[in-house]
Amino acid sequence: MNFGLYGKYPFNLGAVTIFPLFGAEVQWYISSDTDWRTASWLPGYSYKDSDLSALWVKFGVGSDFSVSGKVFLRVSLLYGFRLYNSLEEDLANYADKNDYSESIFSSGPDLKFAVGFRFL
């Protein structure tokens, strides 16, 4: 499950509004079939499902296209960088202690389409 909070600064160009976006999104890992307390591939470590949750920092651009007086179409393109979760930090530290390198960097784009309704 994901929850995000974004800020925007709109530039009204008539029927189209363009805006830069910046924000953060939490990716909550709620449950899995894996028993992380007994994962044998990383000895000496124990995890809960929630330890796999991660924070994304995202930025990008969006646009609203007016369809009628109060209805609009929104398109947004964001690019995000995911910070390490507890498991990934421990895995990277474990790799360093055992003389091999482990990189777990994650990033990627989001393209979103939405229909909106203006109340005011």
PDB file of N, CA and C in Angstrom:
ATOM      1  N   MET A   1       0.846  -1.156   0.000  1.00  0.00           N
ATOM      2  CA  MET A   1       0.000   0.000   0.000  1.00  0.00           C
ATOM      3  C   MET A   1       0.904   1.236   0.000  1.00  0.00           C
ATOM      4  N   ASN A   2       0.544   2.223  -0.791  1.00  0.00           N
ATOM      5  CA  ASN A   2       1.331   3.448  -0.888  1.00  0.00           C
ATOM      6  C   ASN A   2       0.518   4.647  -0.427  1.00  0.00           C
ATOM      7  N   PHE A   3       1.213   5.598   0.196  1.00  0.00           N
ATOM      8  CA  PHE A   3       0.612   6.861   0.586  1.00  0.00           C
ATOM      9  C   PHE A   3       1.602   7.963   0.271  1.00  0.00           C
ATOM     10  N   GLY A   4       1.163   8.991  -0.474  1.00  0.00           N
ATOM     11  CA  GLY A   4       2.073  10.053  -0.868  1.00  0.00           C
ATOM     12  C   GLY A   4       1.525  11.427  -0.566  1.00  0.00           C
ATOM     13  N   LEU A   5       2.432  12.374  -0.433  1.00  0.00           N
ATOM     14  CA  LEU A   5       2.090  13.763  -0.224  1.00  0.00           C
ATOM     15  C   LEU A   5       2.966  14.595  -1.153  1.00  0.00           C
ATOM     16  N   TYR A   6       2.322  15.385  -2.013  1.00  0.00           N
ATOM     17  CA  TYR A   6       3.033  16.148  -3.033  1.00  0.00           C
ATOM     18  C   TYR A   6       2.638  17.611  -2.974  1.00  0.00           C
ATOM     19  N   GLY A   7       3.571  18.462  -3.330  1.00  0.00           N
ATOM     20  CA  GLY A   7       3.301  19.880  -3.465  1.00  0.00           C
ATOM     21  C   GLY A   7       3.427  20.278  -4.923  1.00  0.00           C
ATOM     22  N   LYS A   8       2.680  21.278  -5.327  1.00  0.00           N
ATOM     23  CA  LYS A   8       2.754  21.738  -6.714  1.00  0.00           C
ATOM     24  C   LYS A   8       2.621  23.252  -6.737  1.00  0.00           C
ATOM     25  N   TYR A   9       3.144  23.863  -7.797  1.00  0.00           N
ATOM     26  CA  TYR A   9       3.006  25.296  -8.017  1.00  0.00           C
ATOM     27  C   TYR A   9       2.443  25.485  -9.412  1.00  0.00           C
ATOM     28  N   PRO A  10       1.113  25.737  -9.523  1.00  0.00           N
ATOM     29  CA  PRO A  10       0.470  25.752 -10.842  1.00  0.00           C
ATOM     30  C   PRO A  10       0.705  27.045 -11.630  1.00  0.00           C
ATOM     31  N   PHE A  11       0.820  26.885 -12.928  1.00  0.00           N
ATOM     32  CA  PHE A  11       0.880  27.993 -13.880  1.00  0.00           C
ATOM     33  C   PHE A  11      -0.337  27.852 -14.794  1.00  0.00           C
ATOM     34  N   ASN A  12      -1.291  28.767 -14.651  1.00  0.00           N
ATOM     35  CA  ASN A  12      -2.535  28.693 -15.409  1.00  0.00           C
ATOM     36  C   ASN A  12      -2.324  29.291 -16.801  1.00  0.00           C
ATOM     37  N   LEU A  13      -2.563  28.473 -17.829  1.00  0.00           N
ATOM     38  CA  LEU A  13      -2.415  28.900 -19.215  1.00  0.00           C
ATOM     39  C   LEU A  13      -3.751  28.834 -19.952  1.00  0.00           C
ATOM     40  N   GLY A  14      -4.820  29.184 -19.281  1.00  0.00           N
ATOM     41  CA  GLY A  14      -6.150  29.121 -19.878  1.00  0.00           C
ATOM     42  C   GLY A  14      -6.803  27.779 -19.623  1.00  0.00           C
ATOM     43  N   ALA A  15      -7.039  27.013 -20.685  1.00  0.00           N
ATOM     44  CA  ALA A  15      -7.676  25.699 -20.544  1.00  0.00           C
ATOM     45  C   ALA A  15      -6.710  24.644 -20.011  1.00  0.00           C
ATOM     46  N   VAL A  16      -5.417  24.984 -19.941  1.00  0.00           N
ATOM     47  CA  VAL A  16      -4.389  24.039 -19.464  1.00  0.00           C
ATOM     48  C   VAL A  16      -3.645  24.671 -18.297  1.00  0.00           C
ATOM     49  N   THR A  17      -3.395  23.885 -17.267  1.00  0.00           N
ATOM     50  CA  THR A  17      -2.582  24.312 -16.135  1.00  0.00           C
ATOM     51  C   THR A  17      -1.394  23.359 -16.048  1.00  0.00           C
ATOM     52  N   ILE A  18      -0.195  23.912 -15.992  1.00  0.00           N
ATOM     53  CA  ILE A  18       1.029  23.109 -15.884  1.00  0.00           C
ATOM     54  C   ILE A  18       1.643  23.380 -14.523  1.00  0.00           C
ATOM     55  N   PHE A  19       2.213  22.331 -13.888  1.00  0.00           N
ATOM     56  CA  PHE A  19       2.788  22.523 -12.556  1.00  0.00           C
ATOM     57  C   PHE A  19       3.951  21.563 -12.304  1.00  0.00           C
ATOM     58  N   PRO A  20       5.016  22.069 -11.648  1.00  0.00           N
ATOM     59  CA  PRO A  20       6.056  21.184 -11.158  1.00  0.00           C
ATOM     60  C   PRO A  20       5.547  20.492  -9.895  1.00  0.00           C
ATOM     61  N   LEU A  21       5.996  19.270  -9.669  1.00  0.00           N
ATOM     62  CA  LEU A  21       5.598  18.478  -8.499  1.00  0.00           C
ATOM     63  C   LEU A  21       6.832  18.038  -7.722  1.00  0.00           C
ATOM     64  N   PHE A  22       6.695  17.995  -6.411  1.00  0.00           N
ATOM     65  CA  PHE A  22       7.753  17.454  -5.558  1.00  0.00           C
ATOM     66  C   PHE A  22       7.094  16.853  -4.331  1.00  0.00           C
ATOM     67  N   GLY A  23       7.559  15.697  -3.894  1.00  0.00           N
ATOM     68  CA  GLY A  23       6.959  15.104  -2.718  1.00  0.00           C
ATOM     69  C   GLY A  23       7.601  13.797  -2.307  1.00  0.00           C
ATOM     70  N   ALA A  24       6.904  13.103  -1.434  1.00  0.00           N
ATOM     71  CA  ALA A  24       7.390  11.836  -0.899  1.00  0.00           C
ATOM     72  C   ALA A  24       6.243  10.835  -0.859  1.00  0.00           C
ATOM     73  N   GLU A  25       6.603   9.578  -0.962  1.00  0.00           N
ATOM     74  CA  GLU A  25       5.622   8.500  -0.927  1.00  0.00           C
ATOM     75  C   GLU A  25       6.169   7.381  -0.044  1.00  0.00           C
ATOM     76  N   VAL A  26       5.328   6.891   0.854  1.00  0.00           N
ATOM     77  CA  VAL A  26       5.703   5.761   1.697  1.00  0.00           C
ATOM     78  C   VAL A  26       5.108   4.505   1.081  1.00  0.00           C
ATOM     79  N   GLN A  27       5.942   3.506   0.888  1.00  0.00           N
ATOM     80  CA  GLN A  27       5.514   2.220   0.346  1.00  0.00           C
ATOM     81  C   GLN A  27       5.461   1.245   1.525  1.00  0.00           C
ATOM     82  N   TRP A  28       4.235   1.013   2.041  1.00  0.00           N
ATOM     83  CA  TRP A  28       4.065   0.142   3.205  1.00  0.00           C
ATOM     84  C   TRP A  28       3.979  -1.306   2.765  1.00  0.00           C
ATOM     85  N   TYR A  29       4.839  -2.106   3.331  1.00  0.00           N
ATOM     86  CA  TYR A  29       4.831  -3.538   3.089  1.00  0.00           C
ATOM     87  C   TYR A  29       4.002  -4.144   4.209  1.00  0.00           C
ATOM     88  N   ILE A  30       2.832  -4.647   3.900  1.00  0.00           N
ATOM     89  CA  ILE A  30       1.890  -5.068   4.932  1.00  0.00           C
ATOM     90  C   ILE A  30       2.042  -6.535   5.317  1.00  0.00           C
ATOM     91  N   SER A  31       2.154  -7.415   4.327  1.00  0.00           N
ATOM     92  CA  SER A  31       2.275  -8.841   4.653  1.00  0.00           C
ATOM     93  C   SER A  31       2.898  -9.600   3.497  1.00  0.00           C
ATOM     94  N   SER A  32       3.396 -10.788   3.826  1.00  0.00           N
ATOM     95  CA  SER A  32       3.957 -11.665   2.793  1.00  0.00           C
ATOM     96  C   SER A  32       3.853 -13.113   3.251  1.00  0.00           C
ATOM     97  N   ASP A  33       4.146 -14.022   2.350  1.00  0.00           N
ATOM     98  CA  ASP A  33       4.152 -15.444   2.679  1.00  0.00           C
ATOM     99  C   ASP A  33       5.487 -15.880   3.278  1.00  0.00           C
ATOM    100  N   THR A  34       6.490 -15.014   3.224  1.00  0.00           N
ATOM    101  CA  THR A  34       7.818 -15.347   3.740  1.00  0.00           C
ATOM    102  C   THR A  34       7.878 -15.089   5.234  1.00  0.00           C
ATOM    103  N   ASP A  35       8.433 -16.030   5.988  1.00  0.00           N
ATOM    104  CA  ASP A  35       8.664 -15.829   7.412  1.00  0.00           C
ATOM    105  C   ASP A  35      10.050 -15.198   7.559  1.00  0.00           C
ATOM    106  N   TRP A  36      10.103 -13.875   7.663  1.00  0.00           N
ATOM    107  CA  TRP A  36      11.373 -13.141   7.685  1.00  0.00           C
ATOM    108  C   TRP A  36      12.158 -13.395   8.958  1.00  0.00           C
ATOM    109  N   ARG A  37      11.533 -13.941   9.997  1.00  0.00           N
ATOM    110  CA  ARG A  37      12.259 -14.241  11.237  1.00  0.00           C
ATOM    111  C   ARG A  37      13.183 -15.435  11.065  1.00  0.00           C
ATOM    112  N   THR A  38      12.916 -16.262  10.066  1.00  0.00           N
ATOM    113  CA  THR A  38      13.731 -17.471   9.881  1.00  0.00           C
ATOM    114  C   THR A  38      14.406 -17.507   8.516  1.00  0.00           C
ATOM    115  N   ALA A  39      14.553 -16.364   7.874  1.00  0.00           N
ATOM    116  CA  ALA A  39      15.200 -16.333   6.554  1.00  0.00           C
ATOM    117  C   ALA A  39      16.668 -16.736   6.708  1.00  0.00           C
ATOM    118  N   SER A  40      17.042 -17.879   6.156  1.00  0.00           N
ATOM    119  CA  SER A  40      18.377 -18.436   6.373  1.00  0.00           C
ATOM    120  C   SER A  40      19.453 -17.790   5.511  1.00  0.00           C
ATOM    121  N   TRP A  41      19.087 -17.049   4.500  1.00  0.00           N
ATOM    122  CA  TRP A  41      20.079 -16.469   3.611  1.00  0.00           C
ATOM    123  C   TRP A  41      20.776 -15.248   4.197  1.00  0.00           C
ATOM    124  N   LEU A  42      20.304 -14.732   5.353  1.00  0.00           N
ATOM    125  CA  LEU A  42      20.973 -13.643   6.053  1.00  0.00           C
ATOM    126  C   LEU A  42      21.027 -14.012   7.537  1.00  0.00           C
ATOM    127  N   PRO A  43      22.000 -14.852   7.917  1.00  0.00           N
ATOM    128  CA  PRO A  43      22.037 -15.385   9.288  1.00  0.00           C
ATOM    129  C   PRO A  43      22.240 -14.303  10.345  1.00  0.00           C
ATOM    130  N   GLY A  44      21.546 -14.464  11.466  1.00  0.00           N
ATOM    131  CA  GLY A  44      21.697 -13.552  12.586  1.00  0.00           C
ATOM    132  C   GLY A  44      20.791 -12.337  12.533  1.00  0.00           C
ATOM    133  N   TYR A  45      19.965 -12.232  11.518  1.00  0.00           N
ATOM    134  CA  TYR A  45      19.066 -11.090  11.383  1.00  0.00           C
ATOM    135  C   TYR A  45      17.622 -11.578  11.421  1.00  0.00           C
ATOM    136  N   SER A  46      16.739 -10.713  11.923  1.00  0.00           N
ATOM    137  CA  SER A  46      15.327 -11.054  12.006  1.00  0.00           C
ATOM    138  C   SER A  46      14.501  -9.826  11.619  1.00  0.00           C
ATOM    139  N   TYR A  47      13.404 -10.048  10.894  1.00  0.00           N
ATOM    140  CA  TYR A  47      12.606  -8.934  10.386  1.00  0.00           C
ATOM    141  C   TYR A  47      11.119  -9.189  10.547  1.00  0.00           C
ATOM    142  N   LYS A  48      10.377  -8.082  10.578  1.00  0.00           N
ATOM    143  CA  LYS A  48       8.925  -8.124  10.462  1.00  0.00           C
ATOM    144  C   LYS A  48       8.611  -7.697   9.036  1.00  0.00           C
ATOM    145  N   ASP A  49       7.393  -7.984   8.569  1.00  0.00           N
ATOM    146  CA  ASP A  49       6.997  -7.551   7.229  1.00  0.00           C
ATOM    147  C   ASP A  49       7.133  -6.038   7.070  1.00  0.00           C
ATOM    148  N   SER A  50       6.808  -5.289   8.116  1.00  0.00           N
ATOM    149  CA  SER A  50       6.859  -3.820   8.030  1.00  0.00           C
ATOM    150  C   SER A  50       8.283  -3.288   7.857  1.00  0.00           C
ATOM    151  N   ASP A  51       9.306  -4.087   8.180  1.00  0.00           N
ATOM    152  CA  ASP A  51      10.700  -3.667   7.979  1.00  0.00           C
ATOM    153  C   ASP A  51      11.046  -3.533   6.502  1.00  0.00           C
ATOM    154  N   LEU A  52      10.203  -4.053   5.633  1.00  0.00           N
ATOM    155  CA  LEU A  52      10.454  -3.971   4.196  1.00  0.00           C
ATOM    156  C   LEU A  52       9.837  -2.713   3.580  1.00  0.00           C
ATOM    157  N   SER A  53       9.163  -1.894   4.382  1.00  0.00           N
ATOM    158  CA  SER A  53       8.591  -0.645   3.894  1.00  0.00           C
ATOM    159  C   SER A  53       9.702   0.308   3.483  1.00  0.00           C
ATOM    160  N   ALA A  54       9.399   1.215   2.551  1.00  0.00           N
ATOM    161  CA  ALA A  54      10.428   2.126   2.049  1.00  0.00           C
ATOM    162  C   ALA A  54       9.842   3.500   1.757  1.00  0.00           C
ATOM    163  N   LEU A  55      10.708   4.498   1.757  1.00  0.00           N
ATOM    164  CA  LEU A  55      10.333   5.876   1.451  1.00  0.00           C
ATOM    165  C   LEU A  55      10.858   6.239   0.070  1.00  0.00           C
ATOM    166  N   TRP A  56       9.992   6.810  -0.754  1.00  0.00           N
ATOM    167  CA  TRP A  56      10.353   7.317  -2.078  1.00  0.00           C
ATOM    168  C   TRP A  56      10.339   8.831  -2.045  1.00  0.00           C
ATOM    169  N   VAL A  57      11.326   9.460  -2.657  1.00  0.00           N
ATOM    170  CA  VAL A  57      11.348  10.906  -2.878  1.00  0.00           C
ATOM    171  C   VAL A  57      11.150  11.108  -4.372  1.00  0.00           C
ATOM    172  N   LYS A  58      10.145  11.922  -4.745  1.00  0.00           N
ATOM    173  CA  LYS A  58       9.775  12.036  -6.161  1.00  0.00           C
ATOM    174  C   LYS A  58       9.655  13.494  -6.602  1.00  0.00           C
ATOM    175  N   PHE A  59       9.939  13.716  -7.875  1.00  0.00           N
ATOM    176  CA  PHE A  59       9.765  15.038  -8.481  1.00  0.00           C
ATOM    177  C   PHE A  59       9.332  14.859  -9.923  1.00  0.00           C
ATOM    178  N   GLY A  60       8.713  15.902 -10.480  1.00  0.00           N
ATOM    179  CA  GLY A  60       8.280  15.789 -11.864  1.00  0.00           C
ATOM    180  C   GLY A  60       7.411  16.956 -12.279  1.00  0.00           C
ATOM    181  N   VAL A  61       6.538  16.678 -13.234  1.00  0.00           N
ATOM    182  CA  VAL A  61       5.686  17.714 -13.801  1.00  0.00           C
ATOM    183  C   VAL A  61       4.293  17.129 -14.046  1.00  0.00           C
ATOM    184  N   GLY A  62       3.297  18.003 -13.978  1.00  0.00           N
ATOM    185  CA  GLY A  62       1.934  17.569 -14.235  1.00  0.00           C
ATOM    186  C   GLY A  62       1.179  18.621 -15.014  1.00  0.00           C
ATOM    187  N   SER A  63       0.022  18.226 -15.516  1.00  0.00           N
ATOM    188  CA  SER A  63      -0.799  19.145 -16.293  1.00  0.00           C
ATOM    189  C   SER A  63      -2.268  18.788 -16.116  1.00  0.00           C
ATOM    190  N   ASP A  64      -3.087  19.829 -15.953  1.00  0.00           N
ATOM    191  CA  ASP A  64      -4.538  19.673 -15.904  1.00  0.00           C
ATOM    192  C   ASP A  64      -5.126  20.246 -17.187  1.00  0.00           C
ATOM    193  N   PHE A  65      -6.009  19.473 -17.810  1.00  0.00           N
ATOM    194  CA  PHE A  65      -6.692  19.898 -19.029  1.00  0.00           C
ATOM    195  C   PHE A  65      -8.173  20.050 -18.712  1.00  0.00           C
ATOM    196  N   SER A  66      -8.695  21.253 -18.849  1.00  0.00           N
ATOM    197  CA  SER A  66     -10.091  21.510 -18.541  1.00  0.00           C
ATOM    198  C   SER A  66     -10.999  20.855 -19.582  1.00  0.00           C
ATOM    199  N   VAL A  67     -11.970  20.043 -19.096  1.00  0.00           N
ATOM    200  CA  VAL A  67     -12.927  19.369 -19.979  1.00  0.00           C
ATOM    201  C   VAL A  67     -14.221  20.166 -20.025  1.00  0.00           C
ATOM    202  N   SER A  68     -14.700  20.562 -18.860  1.00  0.00           N
ATOM    203  CA  SER A  68     -15.889  21.416 -18.752  1.00  0.00           C
ATOM    204  C   SER A  68     -15.635  22.370 -17.592  1.00  0.00           C
ATOM    205  N   GLY A  69     -16.641  23.074 -17.139  1.00  0.00           N
ATOM    206  CA  GLY A  69     -16.464  24.048 -16.067  1.00  0.00           C
ATOM    207  C   GLY A  69     -15.742  23.522 -14.839  1.00  0.00           C
ATOM    208  N   LYS A  70     -16.112  22.338 -14.379  1.00  0.00           N
ATOM    209  CA  LYS A  70     -15.532  21.806 -13.147  1.00  0.00           C
ATOM    210  C   LYS A  70     -14.764  20.489 -13.327  1.00  0.00           C
ATOM    211  N   VAL A  71     -14.860  19.865 -14.474  1.00  0.00           N
ATOM    212  CA  VAL A  71     -14.199  18.572 -14.705  1.00  0.00           C
ATOM    213  C   VAL A  71     -12.883  18.803 -15.460  1.00  0.00           C
ATOM    214  N   PHE A  72     -11.844  18.081 -15.045  1.00  0.00           N
ATOM    215  CA  PHE A  72     -10.556  18.192 -15.714  1.00  0.00           C
ATOM    216  C   PHE A  72      -9.875  16.837 -15.803  1.00  0.00           C
ATOM    217  N   LEU A  73      -8.954  16.701 -16.746  1.00  0.00           N
ATOM    218  CA  LEU A  73      -8.100  15.516 -16.882  1.00  0.00           C
ATOM    219  C   LEU A  73      -6.716  15.889 -16.394  1.00  0.00           C
ATOM    220  N   ARG A  74      -6.086  15.026 -15.610  1.00  0.00           N
ATOM    221  CA  ARG A  74      -4.748  15.298 -15.090  1.00  0.00           C
ATOM    222  C   ARG A  74      -3.783  14.219 -15.587  1.00  0.00           C
ATOM    223  N   VAL A  75      -2.641  14.688 -16.034  1.00  0.00           N
ATOM    224  CA  VAL A  75      -1.534  13.810 -16.417  1.00  0.00           C
ATOM    225  C   VAL A  75      -0.337  14.245 -15.595  1.00  0.00           C
ATOM    226  N   SER A  76       0.367  13.292 -14.981  1.00  0.00           N
ATOM    227  CA  SER A  76       1.581  13.644 -14.244  1.00  0.00           C
ATOM    228  C   SER A  76       2.666  12.619 -14.529  1.00  0.00           C
ATOM    229  N   LEU A  77       3.880  13.111 -14.614  1.00  0.00           N
ATOM    230  CA  LEU A  77       5.057  12.274 -14.815  1.00  0.00           C
ATOM    231  C   LEU A  77       6.034  12.589 -13.694  1.00  0.00           C
ATOM    232  N   LEU A  78       6.312  11.582 -12.880  1.00  0.00           N
ATOM    233  CA  LEU A  78       7.208  11.733 -11.733  1.00  0.00           C
ATOM    234  C   LEU A  78       8.379  10.776 -11.876  1.00  0.00           C
ATOM    235  N   TYR A  79       9.515  11.163 -11.303  1.00  0.00           N
ATOM    236  CA  TYR A  79      10.653  10.257 -11.213  1.00  0.00           C
ATOM    237  C   TYR A  79      11.031  10.178  -9.748  1.00  0.00           C
ATOM    238  N   GLY A  80      11.231   8.963  -9.243  1.00  0.00           N
ATOM    239  CA  GLY A  80      11.482   8.802  -7.822  1.00  0.00           C
ATOM    240  C   GLY A  80      12.715   7.992  -7.508  1.00  0.00           C
ATOM    241  N   PHE A  81      13.245   8.255  -6.304  1.00  0.00           N
ATOM    242  CA  PHE A  81      14.381   7.519  -5.755  1.00  0.00           C
ATOM    243  C   PHE A  81      13.934   6.883  -4.448  1.00  0.00           C
ATOM    244  N   ARG A  82      14.154   5.568  -4.335  1.00  0.00           N
ATOM    245  CA  ARG A  82      13.728   4.842  -3.133  1.00  0.00           C
ATOM    246  C   ARG A  82      14.897   4.721  -2.173  1.00  0.00           C
ATOM    247  N   LEU A  83      14.638   5.054  -0.910  1.00  0.00           N
ATOM    248  CA  LEU A  83      15.649   4.907   0.122  1.00  0.00           C
ATOM    249  C   LEU A  83      15.646   3.470   0.630  1.00  0.00           C
ATOM    250  N   TYR A  84      16.766   3.031   1.175  1.00  0.00           N
ATOM    251  CA  TYR A  84      16.889   1.665   1.697  1.00  0.00           C
ATOM    252  C   TYR A  84      15.879   1.403   2.805  1.00  0.00           C
ATOM    253  N   ASN A  85      15.392   0.167   2.870  1.00  0.00           N
ATOM    254  CA  ASN A  85      14.618  -0.262   4.026  1.00  0.00           C
ATOM    255  C   ASN A  85      15.561  -1.023   4.967  1.00  0.00           C
ATOM    256  N   SER A  86      15.053  -1.510   6.091  1.00  0.00           N
ATOM    257  CA  SER A  86      15.896  -2.172   7.095  1.00  0.00           C
ATOM    258  C   SER A  86      16.609  -3.395   6.538  1.00  0.00           C
ATOM    259  N   LEU A  87      15.909  -4.222   5.801  1.00  0.00           N
ATOM    260  CA  LEU A  87      16.504  -5.431   5.233  1.00  0.00           C
ATOM    261  C   LEU A  87      17.639  -5.088   4.274  1.00  0.00           C
ATOM    262  N   GLU A  88      17.427  -4.105   3.422  1.00  0.00           N
ATOM    263  CA  GLU A  88      18.444  -3.736   2.432  1.00  0.00           C
ATOM    264  C   GLU A  88      19.680  -3.122   3.086  1.00  0.00           C
ATOM    265  N   GLU A  89      19.486  -2.315   4.138  1.00  0.00           N
ATOM    266  CA  GLU A  89      20.631  -1.765   4.857  1.00  0.00           C
ATOM    267  C   GLU A  89      21.464  -2.883   5.470  1.00  0.00           C
ATOM    268  N   ASP A  90      20.803  -3.833   6.123  1.00  0.00           N
ATOM    269  CA  ASP A  90      21.524  -4.952   6.734  1.00  0.00           C
ATOM    270  C   ASP A  90      22.209  -5.815   5.688  1.00  0.00           C
ATOM    271  N   LEU A  91      21.561  -6.021   4.547  1.00  0.00           N
ATOM    272  CA  LEU A  91      22.157  -6.817   3.474  1.00  0.00           C
ATOM    273  C   LEU A  91      23.416  -6.142   2.934  1.00  0.00           C
ATOM    274  N   ALA A  92      23.363  -4.824   2.750  1.00  0.00           N
ATOM    275  CA  ALA A  92      24.543  -4.094   2.281  1.00  0.00           C
ATOM    276  C   ALA A  92      25.659  -4.141   3.315  1.00  0.00           C
ATOM    277  N   ASN A  93      25.329  -3.986   4.601  1.00  0.00           N
ATOM    278  CA  ASN A  93      26.345  -4.076   5.663  1.00  0.00           C
ATOM    279  C   ASN A  93      26.939  -5.469   5.746  1.00  0.00           C
ATOM    280  N   TYR A  94      26.103  -6.486   5.620  1.00  0.00           N
ATOM    281  CA  TYR A  94      26.560  -7.880   5.641  1.00  0.00           C
ATOM    282  C   TYR A  94      27.517  -8.142   4.471  1.00  0.00           C
ATOM    283  N   ALA A  95      27.188  -7.599   3.321  1.00  0.00           N
ATOM    284  CA  ALA A  95      28.057  -7.767   2.152  1.00  0.00           C
ATOM    285  C   ALA A  95      29.406  -7.096   2.387  1.00  0.00           C
ATOM    286  N   ASP A  96      29.404  -5.893   2.961  1.00  0.00           N
ATOM    287  CA  ASP A  96      30.658  -5.192   3.236  1.00  0.00           C
ATOM    288  C   ASP A  96      31.537  -5.978   4.209  1.00  0.00           C
ATOM    289  N   LYS A  97      30.924  -6.555   5.234  1.00  0.00           N
ATOM    290  CA  LYS A  97      31.683  -7.325   6.231  1.00  0.00           C
ATOM    291  C   LYS A  97      32.273  -8.599   5.642  1.00  0.00           C
ATOM    292  N   ASN A  98      31.661  -9.116   4.571  1.00  0.00           N
ATOM    293  CA  ASN A  98      32.111 -10.370   3.976  1.00  0.00           C
ATOM    294  C   ASN A  98      32.816 -10.166   2.637  1.00  0.00           C
ATOM    295  N   ASP A  99      33.372  -8.972   2.459  1.00  0.00           N
ATOM    296  CA  ASP A  99      34.238  -8.650   1.323  1.00  0.00           C
ATOM    297  C   ASP A  99      33.604  -8.827  -0.047  1.00  0.00           C
ATOM    298  N   TYR A 100      32.345  -8.485  -0.184  1.00  0.00           N
ATOM    299  CA  TYR A 100      31.780  -8.375  -1.526  1.00  0.00           C
ATOM    300  C   TYR A 100      30.832  -7.176  -1.561  1.00  0.00           C
ATOM    301  N   SER A 101      30.563  -6.712  -2.731  1.00  0.00           N
ATOM    302  CA  SER A 101      29.791  -5.486  -2.892  1.00  0.00           C
ATOM    303  C   SER A 101      28.333  -5.807  -3.204  1.00  0.00           C
ATOM    304  N   GLU A 102      27.456  -5.054  -2.598  1.00  0.00           N
ATOM    305  CA  GLU A 102      26.027  -5.218  -2.844  1.00  0.00           C
ATOM    306  C   GLU A 102      25.414  -3.831  -2.978  1.00  0.00           C
ATOM    307  N   SER A 103      24.841  -3.534  -4.124  1.00  0.00           N
ATOM    308  CA  SER A 103      24.186  -2.250  -4.344  1.00  0.00           C
ATOM    309  C   SER A 103      22.703  -2.497  -4.563  1.00  0.00           C
ATOM    310  N   ILE A 104      21.883  -1.800  -3.790  1.00  0.00           N
ATOM    311  CA  ILE A 104      20.439  -1.975  -3.880  1.00  0.00           C
ATOM    312  C   ILE A 104      19.808  -0.604  -4.089  1.00  0.00           C
ATOM    313  N   PHE A 105      20.192   0.054  -5.148  1.00  0.00           N
ATOM    314  CA  PHE A 105      19.647   1.368  -5.455  1.00  0.00           C
ATOM    315  C   PHE A 105      18.439   1.186  -6.357  1.00  0.00           C
ATOM    316  N   SER A 106      17.369   1.883  -6.043  1.00  0.00           N
ATOM    317  CA  SER A 106      16.162   1.739  -6.834  1.00  0.00           C
ATOM    318  C   SER A 106      15.604   3.112  -7.190  1.00  0.00           C
ATOM    319  N   SER A 107      15.214   3.242  -8.438  1.00  0.00           N
ATOM    320  CA  SER A 107      14.582   4.470  -8.894  1.00  0.00           C
ATOM    321  C   SER A 107      13.701   4.135 -10.083  1.00  0.00           C
ATOM    322  N   GLY A 108      12.833   5.058 -10.451  1.00  0.00           N
ATOM    323  CA  GLY A 108      11.994   4.807 -11.608  1.00  0.00           C
ATOM    324  C   GLY A 108      10.919   5.843 -11.810  1.00  0.00           C
ATOM    325  N   PRO A 109      10.299   5.811 -12.990  1.00  0.00           N
ATOM    326  CA  PRO A 109       9.262   6.792 -13.322  1.00  0.00           C
ATOM    327  C   PRO A 109       7.861   6.327 -12.935  1.00  0.00           C
ATOM    328  N   ASP A 110       6.972   7.293 -12.756  1.00  0.00           N
ATOM    329  CA  ASP A 110       5.532   7.065 -12.575  1.00  0.00           C
ATOM    330  C   ASP A 110       4.805   7.932 -13.590  1.00  0.00           C
ATOM    331  N   LEU A 111       3.947   7.338 -14.359  1.00  0.00           N
ATOM    332  CA  LEU A 111       3.082   8.079 -15.271  1.00  0.00           C
ATOM    333  C   LEU A 111       1.654   7.842 -14.801  1.00  0.00           C
ATOM    334  N   LYS A 112       0.942   8.921 -14.479  1.00  0.00           N
ATOM    335  CA  LYS A 112      -0.405   8.787 -13.925  1.00  0.00           C
ATOM    336  C   LYS A 112      -1.403   9.604 -14.738  1.00  0.00           C
ATOM    337  N   PHE A 113      -2.597   9.051 -14.880  1.00  0.00           N
ATOM    338  CA  PHE A 113      -3.713   9.716 -15.528  1.00  0.00           C
ATOM    339  C   PHE A 113      -4.878   9.734 -14.552  1.00  0.00           C
ATOM    340  N   ALA A 114      -5.601  10.845 -14.483  1.00  0.00           N
ATOM    341  CA  ALA A 114      -6.720  10.943 -13.545  1.00  0.00           C
ATOM    342  C   ALA A 114      -7.782  11.881 -14.101  1.00  0.00           C
ATOM    343  N   VAL A 115      -8.997  11.715 -13.592  1.00  0.00           N
ATOM    344  CA  VAL A 115     -10.102  12.627 -13.871  1.00  0.00           C
ATOM    345  C   VAL A 115     -10.423  13.306 -12.559  1.00  0.00           C
ATOM    346  N   GLY A 116     -10.561  14.626 -12.580  1.00  0.00           N
ATOM    347  CA  GLY A 116     -10.830  15.366 -11.359  1.00  0.00           C
ATOM    348  C   GLY A 116     -12.042  16.272 -11.460  1.00  0.00           C
ATOM    349  N   PHE A 117     -12.517  16.707 -10.298  1.00  0.00           N
ATOM    350  CA  PHE A 117     -13.680  17.590 -10.216  1.00  0.00           C
ATOM    351  C   PHE A 117     -13.338  18.734  -9.268  1.00  0.00           C
ATOM    352  N   ARG A 118     -13.492  19.969  -9.729  1.00  0.00           N
ATOM    353  CA  ARG A 118     -13.216  21.149  -8.907  1.00  0.00           C
ATOM    354  C   ARG A 118     -14.470  21.494  -8.095  1.00  0.00           C
ATOM    355  N   PHE A 119     -14.294  21.601  -6.772  1.00  0.00           N
ATOM    356  CA  PHE A 119     -15.415  21.944  -5.911  1.00  0.00           C
ATOM    357  C   PHE A 119     -15.593  23.445  -5.777  1.00  0.00           C
ATOM    358  N   LEU A 120     -14.513  24.192  -5.908  1.00  0.00           N
ATOM    359  CA  LEU A 120     -14.583  25.653  -5.735  1.00  0.00           C
ATOM    360  C   LEU A 120     -14.511  26.371  -7.052  1.00  0.00           C
TER     361      LEU A 120
END
